[in-house]
Amino acid sequence: MAGRGKARVVVANRAQLSWDLINPDGWLAPDHRARLVVGFVETLDLTVLYDKVEAREGTAGRPAADPAVLFALWLLATMDGVGSARELDRLTSQDLAYRWVACGVPVNYHGLADFRVAHADVLDALLTETLAVFMAERLFDADEIVVDGTKIKASAGKSSYKRALRLDEAEAAAKARVVALKAEVDADPAASSKRTQAARARGLRETQERIEKARAKLAEIEAEKAKRAKQSPKEVAKQKEARASLTDPQARRMRCADGAVRASYNVQIAATTDHGFVTAIMATDRRNDSGLVRPMFEASEQRLGRPIKRVLADTGFAQIDDIATLSNRPETPVGVYIHPPRDRTDVKPKTLLARQKQREKEPQTIKDWRQRMTTNEAEAIIKKRGRIERVNANLKNRGFGTLLVRGLAKVQAIGLWHALAHNLTIALRLRAMPASAA
């Protein structure tokens, strides 16, 4: 409008030095999840992690990052579905919640990545400790668990799988590169820096180690095929030559829930049927779940420190011997709720007669189990088996569907992080609910 001067505003002066008073404790709301995670970590006994710190009072060197802070960062990140050390490193400088957790503790992606997979034994003990706390609070019922396996995509591509002949070729190529590297250094020591030479030499050593592990895995697969050939020779004869991955030798190609065949690990999970607290988790390279219900059940009992009355699982999880062993425990017999495999009806009368005679020779506990699984009560109980799918879905929604690490030991460590984060998420929700609703 006429007669009015230029707008008067405060402009940004990014060259002006200033002193700011910062109160990190005021960054987050009192009930923010980051505060709850840090409060939870402060209740844990992390003495083992502090004992592993090499920096000590009275000695030279920089102090190490506080293990409690690293633990809280990864626990919060796992709950938020962050599985990358580089992403977590970025969050500690850009996200207010993660900045509050770190709050001056120096971190970097390399140290975060190492910490995440280096303490599986500590994580396992903490899973036991935290379950004891939640059980003392009566947050879950430990009388009944369900066991299931879920396929997790490994960090290995289809092209990384090689036959024995290709492994020999890769080993020969690696040895040739070692010879070439030595010749290059001898001819002109100053041709490349020491750091570059060391990195190339390290890469060649790691390649050789992966080849040796892949060759060992091939031998293991061939032994399994020879064992299966005694029972199903026609099926084994149709299979292709065994292959192992050079990227992640311990990963196996498995058929997943979507029907695709890809490099994967088969992670076994045991959880309570009420709220889905994870009581045991075990990473395996098994393509199927046969015979795994008993070790998962025993691991859960050992972790909880008390007998479990019932176990639920899908068909094919337990073998006859496992069901008999669990059902015949003298002091605390276990109610096994697993549907028997469906009997084929399109068979010859001779086969039906042989099956009947074989069933007559079974132990009484197996006969009782077969009879029990035909009742309406058993059908109502076995329906609760589906609750494990919610646990699997929650884990995969937090990033457990695809692995960014390689090797069975590291996969187990990642699984334990997810079990801890999953249980804490449920506990925080139940604690926030009124007693009547919980």
Protein backbone atom coordinates (compact mmCIF):
# COMPACT_ATOMS: atom_id res chain seq x y z
CA MET A 1 0.00 0.00 0.00
CA ALA A 2 1.09 3.56 -0.70
CA GLY A 3 2.79 5.36 2.16
CA ARG A 4 4.03 2.22 3.84
CA GLY A 5 7.75 1.53 4.23
CA LYS A 6 9.68 -1.65 3.61
CA ALA A 7 8.79 -4.61 5.83
CA ARG A 8 10.91 -4.71 8.98
CA VAL A 9 11.88 -8.31 9.92
CA VAL A 10 14.61 -10.10 11.86
CA VAL A 11 16.93 -11.78 9.36
CA ALA A 12 19.17 -14.75 10.02
CA ASN A 13 22.77 -13.86 10.82
CA ARG A 14 24.69 -17.09 10.47
CA ALA A 15 28.07 -15.43 10.86
CA GLN A 16 27.33 -14.12 14.37
CA LEU A 17 29.07 -15.97 17.19
CA SER A 18 26.93 -16.66 20.24
CA TRP A 19 26.83 -18.59 23.48
CA ASP A 20 23.86 -20.92 23.94
CA LEU A 21 22.63 -22.45 27.16
CA ILE A 22 21.64 -26.04 26.41
CA ASN A 23 19.70 -28.29 28.78
CA PRO A 24 19.65 -31.79 27.20
CA ASP A 25 17.34 -33.10 29.89
CA GLY A 26 14.64 -30.79 28.59
CA TRP A 27 14.80 -32.12 25.04
CA LEU A 28 12.43 -35.05 25.60
CA ALA A 29 9.07 -35.49 27.28
CA PRO A 30 9.11 -37.31 30.63
CA ASP A 31 7.45 -40.39 29.09
CA HIS A 32 9.51 -40.46 25.88
CA ARG A 33 10.56 -43.96 24.84
CA ALA A 34 14.25 -43.02 24.84
CA ARG A 35 13.98 -42.14 28.55
CA LEU A 36 12.25 -45.46 29.24
CA VAL A 37 14.96 -47.38 27.40
CA VAL A 38 17.78 -45.62 29.26
CA GLY A 39 15.95 -46.18 32.56
CA PHE A 40 15.62 -49.87 31.71
CA VAL A 41 19.31 -50.20 30.79
CA GLU A 42 20.31 -48.56 34.08
CA THR A 43 18.61 -51.44 35.92
CA LEU A 44 20.73 -54.07 34.11
CA ASP A 45 23.98 -55.53 35.40
CA LEU A 46 26.48 -54.64 32.67
CA THR A 47 29.59 -55.48 34.70
CA VAL A 48 30.77 -57.95 32.04
CA LEU A 49 30.79 -55.21 29.40
CA TYR A 50 32.73 -52.84 31.65
CA ASP A 51 35.25 -55.60 32.40
CA LYS A 52 36.00 -55.84 28.68
CA VAL A 53 36.95 -52.14 28.43
CA GLU A 54 40.73 -51.86 27.98
CA ALA A 55 41.02 -48.19 28.99
CA ARG A 56 41.69 -48.04 32.75
CA GLU A 57 42.20 -45.34 35.36
CA GLY A 58 45.86 -44.45 35.82
CA THR A 59 46.92 -45.64 32.35
CA ALA A 60 47.54 -43.72 29.14
CA GLY A 61 45.04 -43.61 26.29
CA ARG A 62 41.64 -42.21 25.44
CA PRO A 63 38.64 -43.33 27.50
CA ALA A 64 36.24 -45.73 25.81
CA ALA A 65 32.59 -45.05 25.03
CA ASP A 66 30.30 -46.02 27.88
CA PRO A 67 28.96 -49.57 27.17
CA ALA A 68 25.64 -48.61 28.80
CA VAL A 69 25.19 -45.82 26.25
CA LEU A 70 26.09 -48.12 23.33
CA PHE A 71 23.68 -50.72 24.69
CA ALA A 72 20.87 -48.17 25.05
CA LEU A 73 21.51 -46.81 21.55
CA TRP A 74 21.24 -50.24 19.93
CA LEU A 75 18.23 -51.24 22.02
CA LEU A 76 16.38 -48.07 21.04
CA ALA A 77 17.47 -48.44 17.42
CA THR A 78 16.22 -52.04 17.30
CA MET A 79 12.86 -50.97 18.72
CA ASP A 80 12.69 -48.28 16.01
CA GLY A 81 13.61 -50.72 13.24
CA VAL A 82 17.11 -49.31 12.63
CA GLY A 83 19.59 -52.07 11.79
CA SER A 84 22.41 -50.12 10.14
CA ALA A 85 25.38 -48.90 12.16
CA ARG A 86 25.89 -46.02 9.72
CA GLU A 87 22.26 -44.95 10.12
CA LEU A 88 22.55 -45.13 13.91
CA ASP A 89 25.73 -43.05 13.75
CA ARG A 90 23.82 -40.43 11.73
CA LEU A 91 20.93 -40.45 14.20
CA THR A 92 23.23 -39.74 17.16
CA SER A 93 24.10 -36.41 15.56
CA GLN A 94 20.78 -35.46 13.94
CA ASP A 95 17.90 -37.01 15.88
CA LEU A 96 17.03 -35.41 19.21
CA ALA A 97 16.18 -38.69 20.99
CA TYR A 98 19.42 -40.40 19.98
CA ARG A 99 21.42 -37.25 20.71
CA TRP A 100 19.93 -37.31 24.21
CA VAL A 101 20.93 -40.95 24.72
CA ALA A 102 24.51 -40.38 23.51
CA CYS A 103 24.79 -36.87 24.98
CA GLY A 104 28.50 -36.29 24.42
CA VAL A 105 29.66 -39.91 24.29
CA PRO A 106 31.75 -40.22 21.09
CA VAL A 107 30.46 -42.92 18.74
CA ASN A 108 31.20 -43.95 15.17
CA TYR A 109 29.65 -46.51 12.85
CA HIS A 110 32.58 -48.92 13.07
CA GLY A 111 32.50 -49.09 16.87
CA LEU A 112 28.72 -49.39 16.86
CA ALA A 113 28.84 -52.25 14.35
CA ASP A 114 31.47 -54.13 16.37
CA PHE A 115 29.59 -53.67 19.64
CA ARG A 116 26.36 -55.00 18.15
CA VAL A 117 27.74 -58.46 17.31
CA ALA A 118 30.56 -58.87 19.85
CA HIS A 119 28.59 -59.72 22.99
CA ALA A 120 26.11 -62.49 22.18
CA ASP A 121 26.89 -64.23 25.48
CA VAL A 122 26.06 -61.06 27.42
CA LEU A 123 22.84 -60.55 25.46
CA ASP A 124 21.80 -64.13 26.15
CA ALA A 125 22.33 -63.66 29.89
CA LEU A 126 20.45 -60.35 29.83
CA LEU A 127 17.50 -61.97 28.06
CA THR A 128 17.30 -64.43 30.95
CA GLU A 129 17.66 -61.65 33.53
CA THR A 130 14.98 -59.44 31.99
CA LEU A 131 12.52 -62.32 31.63
CA ALA A 132 12.95 -63.03 35.35
CA VAL A 133 12.10 -59.39 36.10
CA PHE A 134 9.02 -59.40 33.86
CA MET A 135 7.87 -62.72 35.29
CA ALA A 136 8.25 -61.36 38.84
CA GLU A 137 5.99 -58.47 37.80
CA ARG A 138 3.45 -61.05 36.58
CA LEU A 139 3.49 -59.59 33.09
CA PHE A 140 3.18 -62.99 31.43
CA ASP A 141 2.16 -66.59 32.08
CA ALA A 142 5.03 -69.05 31.65
CA ASP A 143 2.91 -72.22 31.70
CA GLU A 144 2.46 -72.39 27.92
CA ILE A 145 4.75 -71.54 25.01
CA VAL A 146 4.60 -71.83 21.25
CA VAL A 147 7.56 -72.64 19.00
CA ASP A 148 7.96 -71.66 15.37
CA GLY A 149 10.66 -71.04 12.77
CA THR A 150 10.93 -68.12 10.39
CA LYS A 151 13.22 -67.69 7.39
CA ILE A 152 15.42 -64.58 7.47
CA LYS A 153 17.03 -63.34 4.25
CA ALA A 154 20.82 -63.58 4.41
CA SER A 155 23.30 -61.04 3.09
CA ALA A 156 24.32 -63.19 0.12
CA GLY A 157 23.24 -63.21 -3.51
CA LYS A 158 22.41 -66.13 -5.77
CA SER A 159 25.55 -65.62 -7.85
CA SER A 160 27.75 -66.07 -4.77
CA TYR A 161 26.90 -69.79 -4.59
CA LYS A 162 29.62 -71.92 -6.17
CA ARG A 163 30.16 -75.59 -6.86
CA ALA A 164 33.34 -77.36 -5.74
CA LEU A 165 34.97 -76.75 -9.14
CA ARG A 166 34.23 -73.01 -8.97
CA LEU A 167 35.65 -72.84 -5.45
CA ASP A 168 38.89 -74.36 -6.73
CA GLU A 169 38.99 -71.75 -9.50
CA ALA A 170 38.34 -68.93 -7.01
CA GLU A 171 41.11 -70.23 -4.75
CA ALA A 172 43.55 -70.38 -7.66
CA ALA A 173 42.64 -66.83 -8.66
CA ALA A 174 43.16 -65.61 -5.07
CA LYS A 175 46.59 -67.25 -4.90
CA ALA A 176 47.50 -65.66 -8.22
CA ARG A 177 46.56 -62.22 -6.87
CA VAL A 178 48.74 -62.84 -3.80
CA VAL A 179 51.70 -63.64 -6.04
CA ALA A 180 51.03 -60.55 -8.15
CA LEU A 181 50.83 -58.34 -5.05
CA LYS A 182 54.15 -59.65 -3.73
CA ALA A 183 55.77 -59.12 -7.13
CA GLU A 184 54.44 -55.55 -7.25
CA VAL A 185 55.85 -54.75 -3.82
CA ASP A 186 59.22 -56.31 -4.63
CA ALA A 187 59.48 -54.43 -7.92
CA ASP A 188 58.55 -51.02 -6.53
CA PRO A 189 57.95 -50.76 -2.76
CA ALA A 190 56.79 -47.16 -3.16
CA ALA A 191 54.21 -47.97 -5.85
CA SER A 192 51.39 -47.82 -3.33
CA SER A 193 51.03 -46.78 0.25
CA LYS A 194 51.49 -49.23 3.10
CA ARG A 195 47.84 -48.78 4.02
CA THR A 196 46.69 -49.77 0.53
CA GLN A 197 48.99 -52.77 0.49
CA ALA A 198 47.77 -53.90 3.88
CA ALA A 199 44.14 -53.51 2.81
CA ARG A 200 44.69 -55.57 -0.33
CA ALA A 201 46.54 -58.26 1.61
CA ARG A 202 43.76 -58.37 4.21
CA GLY A 203 41.15 -58.70 1.49
CA LEU A 204 42.98 -61.64 -0.05
CA ARG A 205 43.29 -63.36 3.33
CA GLU A 206 39.58 -62.90 3.98
CA THR A 207 38.78 -64.31 0.54
CA GLN A 208 40.86 -67.38 1.28
CA GLU A 209 39.11 -67.83 4.64
CA ARG A 210 35.68 -67.62 2.99
CA ILE A 211 36.73 -70.20 0.40
CA GLU A 212 37.82 -72.59 3.14
CA LYS A 213 34.54 -72.08 5.03
CA ALA A 214 32.55 -72.60 1.83
CA ARG A 215 34.43 -75.82 1.14
CA ALA A 216 33.66 -77.04 4.68
CA LYS A 217 29.98 -76.18 4.17
CA LEU A 218 29.97 -78.13 0.90
CA ALA A 219 31.32 -81.18 2.73
CA GLU A 220 28.58 -80.79 5.35
CA ILE A 221 25.88 -80.55 2.67
CA GLU A 222 27.21 -83.60 0.85
CA ALA A 223 27.15 -85.57 4.12
CA GLU A 224 23.51 -84.57 4.64
CA LYS A 225 22.65 -85.65 1.10
CA ALA A 226 24.34 -89.02 1.62
CA LYS A 227 22.29 -89.53 4.78
CA ARG A 228 19.03 -88.59 3.03
CA ALA A 229 19.90 -90.81 0.08
CA LYS A 230 19.45 -93.88 2.26
CA GLN A 231 15.82 -92.92 2.91
CA SER A 232 14.87 -91.12 -0.33
CA PRO A 233 17.33 -92.11 -3.08
CA LYS A 234 15.08 -90.93 -5.94
CA GLU A 235 14.58 -87.49 -4.40
CA VAL A 236 18.30 -86.97 -3.77
CA ALA A 237 19.19 -88.20 -7.28
CA LYS A 238 17.12 -85.35 -8.77
CA GLN A 239 18.92 -82.66 -6.76
CA LYS A 240 21.63 -80.53 -8.32
CA GLU A 241 25.25 -80.49 -7.25
CA ALA A 242 25.75 -78.89 -3.84
CA ARG A 243 26.76 -75.23 -3.73
CA ALA A 244 28.03 -72.88 -1.02
CA SER A 245 28.21 -69.11 -0.87
CA LEU A 246 31.50 -67.24 -1.04
CA THR A 247 29.85 -64.18 0.51
CA ASP A 248 28.33 -65.93 3.54
CA PRO A 249 29.37 -69.60 3.60
CA GLN A 250 27.01 -70.46 6.47
CA ALA A 251 23.88 -69.20 4.71
CA ARG A 252 21.81 -71.86 2.93
CA ARG A 253 19.42 -71.47 0.02
CA MET A 254 15.95 -72.17 1.42
CA ARG A 255 12.39 -72.01 0.21
CA CYS A 256 10.73 -69.10 2.01
CA ALA A 257 7.11 -68.38 2.89
CA ASP A 258 6.51 -66.52 -0.39
CA GLY A 259 7.65 -69.54 -2.39
CA ALA A 260 10.96 -68.01 -3.48
CA VAL A 261 14.28 -69.78 -2.93
CA ARG A 262 16.94 -67.48 -1.54
CA ALA A 263 19.95 -67.39 0.78
CA SER A 264 18.50 -67.50 4.29
CA TYR A 265 18.81 -68.53 7.90
CA ASN A 266 16.08 -70.41 9.75
CA VAL A 267 15.59 -68.67 13.09
CA GLN A 268 13.68 -70.61 15.74
CA ILE A 269 11.57 -68.60 18.20
CA ALA A 270 9.77 -69.68 21.36
CA ALA A 271 7.26 -67.28 22.93
CA THR A 272 4.51 -67.24 25.52
CA THR A 273 1.00 -67.63 24.17
CA ASP A 274 -0.50 -64.76 26.18
CA HIS A 275 1.46 -61.63 25.28
CA GLY A 276 4.20 -63.12 23.10
CA PHE A 277 7.28 -62.65 25.29
CA VAL A 278 10.21 -64.35 23.55
CA THR A 279 11.63 -67.05 25.84
CA ALA A 280 14.25 -68.47 23.46
CA ILE A 281 15.70 -67.65 20.05
CA MET A 282 18.14 -69.74 18.04
CA ALA A 283 19.62 -69.08 14.60
CA THR A 284 20.12 -72.21 12.49
CA ASP A 285 21.06 -73.13 8.94
CA ARG A 286 18.40 -75.88 8.87
CA ARG A 287 16.06 -75.89 5.88
CA ASN A 288 13.23 -77.46 7.91
CA ASP A 289 12.06 -77.40 11.53
CA SER A 290 11.89 -81.14 12.19
CA GLY A 291 13.10 -82.12 15.66
CA LEU A 292 13.65 -78.54 16.88
CA VAL A 293 10.71 -78.22 19.28
CA ARG A 294 12.44 -80.13 22.07
CA PRO A 295 15.68 -78.08 22.20
CA MET A 296 13.67 -74.85 22.05
CA PHE A 297 11.38 -76.07 24.83
CA GLU A 298 14.32 -77.08 27.04
CA ALA A 299 16.08 -73.77 26.35
CA SER A 300 12.94 -71.89 27.42
CA GLU A 301 12.62 -73.90 30.62
CA GLN A 302 16.26 -73.31 31.48
CA ARG A 303 15.92 -69.58 30.83
CA LEU A 304 12.73 -69.21 32.84
CA GLY A 305 14.01 -71.42 35.66
CA ARG A 306 10.69 -73.22 36.05
CA PRO A 307 8.74 -76.07 34.40
CA ILE A 308 6.51 -75.34 31.40
CA LYS A 309 3.26 -77.29 31.22
CA ARG A 310 2.38 -77.09 27.51
CA VAL A 311 4.12 -76.56 24.21
CA LEU A 312 2.43 -75.76 20.89
CA ALA A 313 3.98 -76.10 17.45
CA ASP A 314 3.16 -76.70 13.82
CA THR A 315 2.99 -80.14 12.21
CA GLY A 316 6.42 -81.64 11.59
CA PHE A 317 8.23 -79.78 14.36
CA ALA A 318 8.57 -82.71 16.75
CA GLN A 319 9.54 -86.28 16.04
CA ILE A 320 7.86 -89.19 17.79
CA ASP A 321 10.80 -89.66 20.15
CA ASP A 322 10.66 -85.98 21.19
CA ILE A 323 6.94 -86.17 21.96
CA ALA A 324 7.43 -89.35 23.98
CA THR A 325 10.35 -87.86 25.94
CA LEU A 326 8.47 -84.69 26.83
CA SER A 327 5.25 -86.51 27.70
CA ASN A 328 7.00 -89.09 29.89
CA ARG A 329 8.84 -86.74 32.22
CA PRO A 330 8.28 -88.23 35.68
CA GLU A 331 7.87 -85.03 37.70
CA THR A 332 6.52 -82.54 35.19
CA PRO A 333 5.00 -84.21 32.10
CA VAL A 334 4.50 -81.82 29.20
CA GLY A 335 1.34 -81.51 27.18
CA VAL A 336 2.49 -81.53 23.54
CA TYR A 337 -0.01 -79.98 21.12
CA ILE A 338 1.18 -80.66 17.60
CA HIS A 339 -1.07 -82.01 14.88
CA PRO A 340 0.18 -85.34 13.50
CA PRO A 341 0.92 -85.34 9.77
CA ARG A 342 -2.12 -86.23 7.72
CA ASP A 343 -2.19 -89.86 6.64
CA ARG A 344 -2.40 -90.47 2.92
CA THR A 345 -5.56 -92.26 1.91
CA ASP A 346 -4.58 -93.05 -1.70
CA VAL A 347 -2.42 -96.01 -0.71
CA LYS A 348 -2.70 -99.74 -1.17
CA PRO A 349 -4.45 -101.91 1.44
CA LYS A 350 -1.09 -103.52 2.19
CA THR A 351 0.34 -100.11 3.14
CA LEU A 352 -2.67 -99.32 5.34
CA LEU A 353 -2.23 -102.62 7.17
CA ALA A 354 1.48 -101.95 7.72
CA ARG A 355 0.67 -98.49 9.07
CA GLN A 356 -1.90 -99.92 11.47
CA LYS A 357 0.53 -102.50 12.80
CA GLN A 358 3.19 -99.84 13.26
CA ARG A 359 0.76 -97.62 15.22
CA GLU A 360 -0.11 -100.55 17.49
CA LYS A 361 3.55 -100.83 18.50
CA GLU A 362 3.83 -97.15 19.47
CA PRO A 363 4.24 -96.20 23.16
CA GLN A 364 1.07 -95.42 25.08
CA THR A 365 2.04 -91.74 25.35
CA ILE A 366 2.08 -91.47 21.55
CA LYS A 367 -1.29 -93.18 21.32
CA ASP A 368 -2.64 -90.74 23.93
CA TRP A 369 -1.18 -87.83 21.97
CA ARG A 370 -2.82 -88.94 18.72
CA GLN A 371 -6.16 -89.36 20.53
CA ARG A 372 -5.82 -86.02 22.35
CA MET A 373 -5.25 -84.12 19.12
CA THR A 374 -8.64 -85.25 17.79
CA THR A 375 -10.57 -83.60 20.65
CA ASN A 376 -12.29 -80.21 20.59
CA GLU A 377 -10.25 -79.11 23.59
CA ALA A 378 -7.00 -79.73 21.73
CA GLU A 379 -8.35 -77.88 18.71
CA ALA A 380 -9.11 -74.84 20.88
CA ILE A 381 -5.64 -74.93 22.41
CA ILE A 382 -3.79 -75.38 19.11
CA LYS A 383 -5.50 -72.28 17.70
CA LYS A 384 -3.29 -70.22 20.00
CA ARG A 385 -0.33 -71.38 17.92
CA GLY A 386 -1.17 -68.65 15.45
CA ARG A 387 -0.10 -66.01 17.99
CA ILE A 388 3.54 -66.71 17.16
CA GLU A 389 2.89 -65.22 13.72
CA ARG A 390 2.30 -61.86 15.42
CA VAL A 391 5.70 -62.18 17.09
CA ASN A 392 7.35 -63.00 13.75
CA ALA A 393 5.59 -60.07 12.09
CA ASN A 394 6.67 -57.63 14.82
CA LEU A 395 10.30 -58.77 14.56
CA LYS A 396 10.33 -58.42 10.80
CA ASN A 397 8.62 -55.03 10.95
CA ARG A 398 11.60 -53.92 13.04
CA GLY A 399 14.05 -55.01 10.34
CA PHE A 400 14.67 -58.66 11.22
CA GLY A 401 13.41 -59.80 7.81
CA THR A 402 16.71 -59.03 6.06
CA LEU A 403 20.14 -59.39 7.64
CA LEU A 404 23.00 -56.94 7.22
CA VAL A 405 25.53 -59.25 8.92
CA ARG A 406 27.11 -62.54 7.86
CA GLY A 407 27.73 -65.72 9.78
CA LEU A 408 25.66 -67.77 12.21
CA ALA A 409 27.21 -66.24 15.34
CA LYS A 410 26.41 -62.69 14.25
CA VAL A 411 22.89 -63.68 13.19
CA GLN A 412 22.36 -65.11 16.68
CA ALA A 413 23.53 -61.82 18.23
CA ILE A 414 21.08 -59.84 16.07
CA GLY A 415 18.30 -62.24 17.03
CA LEU A 416 19.01 -61.65 20.73
CA TRP A 417 18.88 -57.86 20.23
CA HIS A 418 15.47 -58.24 18.62
CA ALA A 419 14.26 -60.56 21.40
CA LEU A 420 15.30 -58.01 24.04
CA ALA A 421 13.72 -55.11 22.14
CA HIS A 422 10.53 -57.09 21.50
CA ASN A 423 10.12 -58.09 25.16
CA LEU A 424 10.84 -54.57 26.40
CA THR A 425 8.27 -53.11 23.99
CA ILE A 426 5.60 -55.46 25.34
CA ALA A 427 6.60 -54.82 28.97
CA LEU A 428 6.42 -51.04 28.53
CA ARG A 429 2.98 -51.36 26.99
CA LEU A 430 1.70 -53.63 29.76
CA ARG A 431 3.17 -51.41 32.49
CA ALA A 432 1.36 -48.43 31.02
CA MET A 433 -1.99 -50.20 31.05
CA PRO A 434 -4.34 -50.21 34.05
CA ALA A 435 -4.13 -53.38 36.14
CA SER A 436 -7.67 -54.37 35.13
CA ALA A 437 -6.92 -54.04 31.39
CA ALA A 438 -3.60 -55.92 31.57
